[in-house]
Amino acid sequence: EAPNISWAYKSIARLGGWKDTKRTGRASVKTLWQGWFRLQTIPEGYELAKSLEHNDL
C-alpha cells in the first residue's frame, strides 16, 4: 500500500524541523519548504558518496 498524503506532509514537515505535538499545530509553509529542500539533498548526497566510492580517493 502506498503512503497517503498525510504521511508525506508529516514526513516532509519533520525534515524541516516540525515537531508533531498538540501545541505546535500544523507545519508552516516555511517549514515545509525547508523539509522539501532537505529531502532533495538526500539523494544528491547519496550519489556523491557513491561517486567518491568508485574514485577510491
N, C-alpha and C. Protein backbone atom coordinates (compact mmCIF):
# COMPACT_ATOMS: atom_id res chain seq x y z
N GLU A 1 0.84 -1.19 0.00
CA GLU A 1 0.00 0.00 0.00
C GLU A 1 0.88 1.25 0.00
N ALA A 2 0.57 2.17 -0.85
CA ALA A 2 1.33 3.41 -0.96
C ALA A 2 1.00 4.34 0.21
N PRO A 3 1.99 5.13 0.64
CA PRO A 3 1.72 6.11 1.70
C PRO A 3 0.69 7.14 1.24
N ASN A 4 -0.06 7.69 2.18
CA ASN A 4 -1.06 8.70 1.83
C ASN A 4 -0.48 10.11 1.96
N ILE A 5 -1.26 11.10 1.59
CA ILE A 5 -0.80 12.49 1.58
C ILE A 5 -0.48 12.99 2.99
N SER A 6 -1.19 12.50 3.99
CA SER A 6 -0.92 12.89 5.38
C SER A 6 0.47 12.43 5.81
N TRP A 7 0.83 11.22 5.42
CA TRP A 7 2.16 10.69 5.74
C TRP A 7 3.24 11.54 5.08
N ALA A 8 3.04 11.88 3.80
CA ALA A 8 4.02 12.69 3.08
C ALA A 8 4.16 14.07 3.71
N TYR A 9 3.03 14.69 4.05
CA TYR A 9 3.03 16.02 4.68
C TYR A 9 3.83 15.99 5.99
N LYS A 10 3.53 15.02 6.84
CA LYS A 10 4.21 14.95 8.14
C LYS A 10 5.68 14.62 7.98
N SER A 11 6.02 13.75 7.05
CA SER A 11 7.42 13.38 6.84
C SER A 11 8.24 14.56 6.34
N ILE A 12 7.71 15.31 5.38
CA ILE A 12 8.42 16.48 4.87
C ILE A 12 8.51 17.55 5.95
N ALA A 13 7.46 17.73 6.71
CA ALA A 13 7.47 18.72 7.80
C ALA A 13 8.51 18.35 8.86
N ARG A 14 8.63 17.08 9.18
CA ARG A 14 9.63 16.65 10.16
C ARG A 14 11.04 16.92 9.66
N LEU A 15 11.28 16.70 8.36
CA LEU A 15 12.59 17.03 7.80
C LEU A 15 12.89 18.51 7.93
N GLY A 16 11.85 19.34 7.93
CA GLY A 16 12.00 20.78 8.09
C GLY A 16 12.11 21.23 9.53
N GLY A 17 12.00 20.30 10.48
CA GLY A 17 12.16 20.63 11.89
C GLY A 17 10.87 20.72 12.68
N TRP A 18 9.75 20.37 12.08
CA TRP A 18 8.46 20.42 12.75
C TRP A 18 8.33 19.26 13.72
N LYS A 19 7.80 19.55 14.90
CA LYS A 19 7.53 18.52 15.92
C LYS A 19 6.03 18.30 16.00
N ASP A 20 5.61 17.07 15.93
CA ASP A 20 4.18 16.74 15.94
C ASP A 20 3.68 16.66 17.38
N THR A 21 3.32 17.81 17.95
CA THR A 21 2.78 17.85 19.30
C THR A 21 1.46 18.62 19.28
N LYS A 22 0.73 18.54 20.35
CA LYS A 22 -0.55 19.25 20.44
C LYS A 22 -0.36 20.77 20.39
N ARG A 23 0.76 21.25 20.88
CA ARG A 23 0.98 22.70 20.98
C ARG A 23 1.44 23.33 19.68
N THR A 24 2.07 22.56 18.79
CA THR A 24 2.66 23.17 17.60
C THR A 24 1.68 23.41 16.47
N GLY A 25 0.63 22.64 16.39
CA GLY A 25 -0.32 22.82 15.29
C GLY A 25 0.24 22.30 13.98
N ARG A 26 -0.19 22.92 12.90
CA ARG A 26 0.26 22.48 11.58
C ARG A 26 1.61 23.10 11.23
N ALA A 27 2.30 22.44 10.32
CA ALA A 27 3.60 22.95 9.86
C ALA A 27 3.37 24.17 8.97
N SER A 28 4.28 25.13 9.05
CA SER A 28 4.17 26.33 8.22
C SER A 28 4.70 26.05 6.82
N VAL A 29 4.42 26.96 5.92
CA VAL A 29 4.93 26.84 4.55
C VAL A 29 6.45 26.86 4.57
N LYS A 30 7.04 27.70 5.42
CA LYS A 30 8.50 27.78 5.51
C LYS A 30 9.08 26.44 5.96
N THR A 31 8.47 25.81 6.95
CA THR A 31 8.94 24.52 7.44
C THR A 31 8.82 23.45 6.36
N LEU A 32 7.71 23.47 5.64
CA LEU A 32 7.53 22.51 4.55
C LEU A 32 8.57 22.73 3.45
N TRP A 33 8.86 23.99 3.14
CA TRP A 33 9.87 24.30 2.13
C TRP A 33 11.24 23.82 2.57
N GLN A 34 11.59 24.04 3.84
CA GLN A 34 12.88 23.57 4.36
C GLN A 34 12.96 22.05 4.32
N GLY A 35 11.87 21.39 4.66
CA GLY A 35 11.83 19.94 4.60
C GLY A 35 11.96 19.43 3.18
N TRP A 36 11.29 20.09 2.23
CA TRP A 36 11.37 19.70 0.82
C TRP A 36 12.79 19.87 0.31
N PHE A 37 13.44 20.97 0.68
CA PHE A 37 14.82 21.21 0.26
C PHE A 37 15.74 20.13 0.83
N ARG A 38 15.55 19.80 2.09
CA ARG A 38 16.38 18.76 2.71
C ARG A 38 16.14 17.41 2.05
N LEU A 39 14.90 17.12 1.72
CA LEU A 39 14.58 15.87 1.03
C LEU A 39 15.31 15.79 -0.31
N GLN A 40 15.44 16.91 -1.01
CA GLN A 40 16.14 16.92 -2.29
C GLN A 40 17.64 16.70 -2.14
N THR A 41 18.21 17.07 -0.99
CA THR A 41 19.66 16.91 -0.80
C THR A 41 20.04 15.48 -0.44
N ILE A 42 19.11 14.68 0.05
CA ILE A 42 19.44 13.31 0.45
C ILE A 42 19.91 12.47 -0.73
N PRO A 43 19.16 12.41 -1.85
CA PRO A 43 19.67 11.63 -2.99
C PRO A 43 20.95 12.22 -3.59
N GLU A 44 21.09 13.55 -3.53
CA GLU A 44 22.31 14.17 -4.03
C GLU A 44 23.52 13.72 -3.22
N GLY A 45 23.37 13.66 -1.90
CA GLY A 45 24.44 13.18 -1.03
C GLY A 45 24.76 11.72 -1.28
N TYR A 46 23.75 10.93 -1.52
CA TYR A 46 23.95 9.51 -1.82
C TYR A 46 24.74 9.34 -3.11
N GLU A 47 24.35 10.08 -4.14
CA GLU A 47 25.06 10.00 -5.43
C GLU A 47 26.50 10.47 -5.29
N LEU A 48 26.74 11.51 -4.51
CA LEU A 48 28.10 12.00 -4.29
C LEU A 48 28.93 10.95 -3.57
N ALA A 49 28.38 10.34 -2.53
CA ALA A 49 29.10 9.30 -1.79
C ALA A 49 29.40 8.11 -2.70
N LYS A 50 28.47 7.76 -3.55
CA LYS A 50 28.66 6.65 -4.48
C LYS A 50 29.79 6.97 -5.47
N SER A 51 29.83 8.19 -5.95
CA SER A 51 30.88 8.56 -6.91
C SER A 51 32.25 8.60 -6.24
N LEU A 52 32.31 9.02 -4.98
CA LEU A 52 33.58 9.03 -4.27
C LEU A 52 34.07 7.61 -3.99
N GLU A 53 33.14 6.71 -3.76
CA GLU A 53 33.49 5.32 -3.51
C GLU A 53 34.15 4.70 -4.73
N HIS A 54 33.68 5.05 -5.91
CA HIS A 54 34.23 4.49 -7.14
C HIS A 54 35.56 5.13 -7.51
N ASN A 55 35.83 6.32 -7.02
CA ASN A 55 37.08 7.01 -7.34
C ASN A 55 38.23 6.57 -6.44
N ASP A 56 37.93 5.93 -5.32
CA ASP A 56 38.95 5.45 -4.37
C ASP A 56 40.00 6.52 -4.07
N LEU A 57 39.55 7.57 -3.43
CA LEU A 57 40.46 8.65 -3.07
C LEU A 57 41.43 8.12 -2.09
